[in-house]
Amino acid sequence: MQERKYRKNENLADWFAYFVLAILVAFVASLMVELEETLTDVKKTTTNNIIDHNSSNLAKAWSFFTFFSVALALIAALMTVYIGPGAYGSGVAELIGYLNGVNYPNVFGGRTTAVKSLGVVLAVVAGLCIGKEGPLAHIGANLALMTLYLPIPGFDIFRNDVSKR
């Protein structure tokens, strides 16, 4: 087995890639939190307004709350099935498999990242019992792979199977 030759500034390129990745993951995570809070406020405020308008309309408020939650969950599910099937599950098992050498189709890519990010937010706002931690690891891995292909001088050393894993 042949050893890989290291470039002079390879460690610097490593750390710069980590820095770019950290900025991207933080940006996506903050967008997800902001969207989640906005949608939760819309759901909560509208339900409270229905109740405050007429306190005998509890059934109407409950119906809106339930319909809104089901609609968000349905949108998340349909996006996952038809737009980004690689975004199913938490993503942690797929990452472990990939790091062990299994290549899953459609697990990494821009569509998967977008569907996973939006789908997780919609599912959380819908009230499903899920967290953002596992999916955010999958989103971070997708962003890491995308970071390696940014047109930045020196990043070409990362575009091999060993460095990606």
Protein backbone atom coordinates (compact mmCIF):
# COMPACT_ATOMS: atom_id res chain seq x y z
CA MET A 1 0.00 0.00 0.00
CA GLN A 2 1.34 3.35 -1.02
CA GLU A 3 1.44 6.21 1.45
CA ARG A 4 -0.15 9.46 0.44
CA LYS A 5 2.19 12.43 0.11
CA TYR A 6 1.26 15.45 2.18
CA ARG A 7 1.37 18.95 0.84
CA LYS A 8 3.06 21.78 2.65
CA ASN A 9 -0.15 23.54 3.76
CA GLU A 10 -2.44 20.55 4.07
CA ASN A 11 -3.11 21.11 7.79
CA LEU A 12 -4.01 24.71 7.09
CA ALA A 13 -6.44 23.56 4.39
CA ASP A 14 -7.93 21.05 6.86
CA TRP A 15 -8.60 23.72 9.44
CA PHE A 16 -9.96 26.16 6.87
CA ALA A 17 -12.37 23.47 5.63
CA TYR A 18 -13.50 22.85 9.22
CA PHE A 19 -14.04 26.58 9.69
CA VAL A 20 -16.12 26.89 6.50
CA LEU A 21 -18.13 23.82 7.49
CA ALA A 22 -18.80 25.18 10.98
CA ILE A 23 -20.10 28.44 9.51
CA LEU A 24 -22.37 26.58 7.06
CA VAL A 25 -23.79 24.21 9.70
CA ALA A 26 -24.39 27.08 12.13
CA PHE A 27 -26.14 29.07 9.41
CA VAL A 28 -28.42 26.19 8.40
CA ALA A 29 -29.18 25.33 12.05
CA SER A 30 -30.07 28.95 12.82
CA LEU A 31 -32.35 29.08 9.76
CA MET A 32 -34.05 25.90 10.95
CA VAL A 33 -34.58 27.31 14.45
CA GLU A 34 -35.92 30.60 13.08
CA LEU A 35 -38.37 28.85 10.75
CA GLU A 36 -39.47 26.51 13.53
CA GLU A 37 -40.15 29.40 15.91
CA THR A 38 -42.04 31.34 13.23
CA LEU A 39 -44.28 28.41 12.29
CA THR A 40 -44.88 27.55 15.95
CA ASP A 41 -45.88 31.16 16.65
CA VAL A 42 -48.30 31.15 13.70
CA LYS A 43 -49.89 27.92 14.89
CA LYS A 44 -50.11 29.03 18.51
CA THR A 45 -51.26 32.61 17.81
CA THR A 46 -53.96 31.56 15.37
CA THR A 47 -55.28 28.92 17.76
CA ASN A 48 -55.33 31.44 20.63
CA ASN A 49 -57.08 34.02 18.43
CA ILE A 50 -59.80 31.51 17.57
CA ILE A 51 -60.29 30.75 21.27
CA ASP A 52 -60.19 34.43 22.32
CA HIS A 53 -62.64 35.46 19.62
CA ASN A 54 -65.31 33.13 20.94
CA SER A 55 -64.60 30.85 23.89
CA SER A 56 -67.31 28.44 22.76
CA ASN A 57 -65.25 27.72 19.62
CA LEU A 58 -62.93 25.22 21.26
CA ALA A 59 -63.83 22.63 18.64
CA LYS A 60 -62.93 25.09 15.88
CA ALA A 61 -59.61 25.91 17.56
CA TRP A 62 -58.85 22.23 18.08
CA SER A 63 -59.72 21.53 14.44
CA PHE A 64 -57.38 24.26 13.20
CA PHE A 65 -54.57 23.09 15.49
CA THR A 66 -54.99 19.48 14.35
CA PHE A 67 -55.39 20.32 10.65
CA PHE A 68 -52.32 22.57 10.71
CA SER A 69 -50.24 19.87 12.39
CA VAL A 70 -51.41 17.13 10.02
CA ALA A 71 -50.81 19.37 7.00
CA LEU A 72 -47.24 20.11 8.08
CA ALA A 73 -46.53 16.43 8.73
CA LEU A 74 -48.03 15.50 5.35
CA ILE A 75 -45.93 18.10 3.53
CA ALA A 76 -42.79 16.80 5.25
CA ALA A 77 -43.65 13.20 4.37
CA LEU A 78 -44.48 13.97 0.73
CA MET A 79 -41.27 15.98 0.32
CA THR A 80 -39.26 13.08 1.68
CA VAL A 81 -40.94 10.46 -0.49
CA TYR A 82 -41.07 12.35 -3.79
CA ILE A 83 -38.31 14.98 -3.72
CA GLY A 84 -35.53 13.69 -1.47
CA PRO A 85 -35.83 9.99 -0.59
CA GLY A 86 -32.32 10.05 0.85
CA ALA A 87 -33.63 12.21 3.68
CA TYR A 88 -35.65 9.44 5.35
CA GLY A 89 -34.81 8.46 8.92
CA SER A 90 -32.53 10.29 11.28
CA GLY A 91 -29.50 9.91 9.03
CA VAL A 92 -27.22 8.61 11.77
CA ALA A 93 -27.45 4.97 10.61
CA GLU A 94 -26.75 6.03 7.03
CA LEU A 95 -23.70 8.00 8.18
CA ILE A 96 -22.35 5.05 10.14
CA GLY A 97 -22.87 2.82 7.11
CA TYR A 98 -21.15 5.31 4.81
CA LEU A 99 -18.18 5.65 7.15
CA ASN A 100 -17.90 1.85 7.13
CA GLY A 101 -17.78 1.77 3.33
CA VAL A 102 -21.41 1.31 2.28
CA ASN A 103 -22.49 3.70 -0.47
CA TYR A 104 -26.19 4.49 -0.14
CA PRO A 105 -27.80 6.14 -3.16
CA ASN A 106 -29.18 9.68 -2.71
CA VAL A 107 -28.03 9.99 0.91
CA PHE A 108 -25.70 12.89 0.11
CA GLY A 109 -26.59 15.88 -2.01
CA GLY A 110 -28.26 19.25 -2.15
CA ARG A 111 -31.80 17.92 -2.52
CA THR A 112 -31.34 15.61 0.45
CA THR A 113 -30.00 18.47 2.55
CA ALA A 114 -32.84 20.81 1.64
CA VAL A 115 -35.55 18.18 2.18
CA LYS A 116 -34.00 17.01 5.46
CA SER A 117 -33.69 20.57 6.78
CA LEU A 118 -37.21 21.65 5.88
CA GLY A 119 -38.78 18.28 6.67
CA VAL A 120 -37.34 18.19 10.18
CA VAL A 121 -38.63 21.68 10.90
CA LEU A 122 -42.11 20.84 9.61
CA ALA A 123 -42.21 17.58 11.58
CA VAL A 124 -41.13 19.28 14.82
CA VAL A 125 -43.73 22.04 14.40
CA ALA A 126 -46.34 19.40 13.58
CA GLY A 127 -45.73 17.93 17.02
CA LEU A 128 -44.12 14.64 16.01
CA CYS A 129 -41.86 13.07 18.62
CA ILE A 130 -38.55 13.71 16.90
CA GLY A 131 -35.50 15.76 17.63
CA LYS A 132 -33.21 17.83 15.47
CA GLU A 133 -29.93 16.37 16.73
CA GLY A 134 -29.69 13.22 14.59
CA PRO A 135 -30.94 14.88 11.41
CA LEU A 136 -28.56 17.78 12.00
CA ALA A 137 -25.65 15.31 12.00
CA HIS A 138 -26.84 14.10 8.58
CA ILE A 139 -27.26 17.69 7.38
CA GLY A 140 -23.75 18.50 8.64
CA ALA A 141 -22.30 15.51 6.78
CA ASN A 142 -24.05 16.66 3.60
CA LEU A 143 -22.70 20.17 4.05
CA ALA A 144 -19.22 18.74 4.72
CA LEU A 145 -19.30 16.86 1.44
CA MET A 146 -20.47 20.00 -0.35
CA THR A 147 -17.72 22.02 1.33
CA LEU A 148 -15.08 19.72 -0.14
CA TYR A 149 -16.25 20.61 -3.63
CA LEU A 150 -16.23 24.38 -3.18
CA PRO A 151 -13.97 26.04 -5.75
CA ILE A 152 -11.38 26.99 -3.15
CA PRO A 153 -7.69 26.55 -3.99
CA GLY A 154 -6.23 23.68 -2.00
CA PHE A 155 -9.51 21.81 -1.49
CA ASP A 156 -8.71 19.44 -4.35
CA ILE A 157 -6.72 17.31 -1.90
CA PHE A 158 -9.97 16.36 -0.14
CA ARG A 159 -11.68 15.03 -3.26
CA ASN A 160 -10.86 11.38 -2.74
CA ASP A 161 -12.63 8.55 -0.98
CA VAL A 162 -10.20 8.42 1.95
CA SER A 163 -10.50 12.11 2.82
CA LYS A 164 -14.26 12.14 2.44
CA ARG A 165 -14.70 9.42 5.02
